[in-house]
Amino acid sequence: TAAVNAESRRRAKANHTATHLLQSALRRVLGEEVSQAGSLVTFERLRFDFNSPRAPTVDELAMLEGLVNGWIGDGIDLSMGEMPIADAKEKGATAMFGEKYGDVVRVVDVPGVSMELCGGT
């Protein structure tokens, strides 16, 4: 029978959550026009592709790192749930990079940081 390796799954979930945190940090530091263009999440790392009118400065990179690491250090509990897309949009959830969503969507909410529609890990 197949079995899920709990430690590998934990690391993948952590890296996946970090993509949501990074998206929020980018939009706060570089501006609301930043948009996700893709991502790769593995057990060991994440890659986050994004569109922006300009590259971040060295100081902005430090700010991004500080925000994401600060949120991780704060240990904010996140919630995930499914709801009608109209309800998610009404609550302020952000949709990512032109994705097509069904009538019911998964929402990841990191209170005070990020609320996004999410395809999951």
Foldseek 3Di string as FASTA:
>chain_A
DDDDDVLLVVLQVVQVVLQQQLVQLCCVLQHVVKAWPDKDTGSVHIDTDIDHPDDDDPVSVVSSVVRSVVLVVVVQDKDKDKDAPVVLVVVPAAEHDPDDDDRIFIWIDRPPGHIYTDPHD
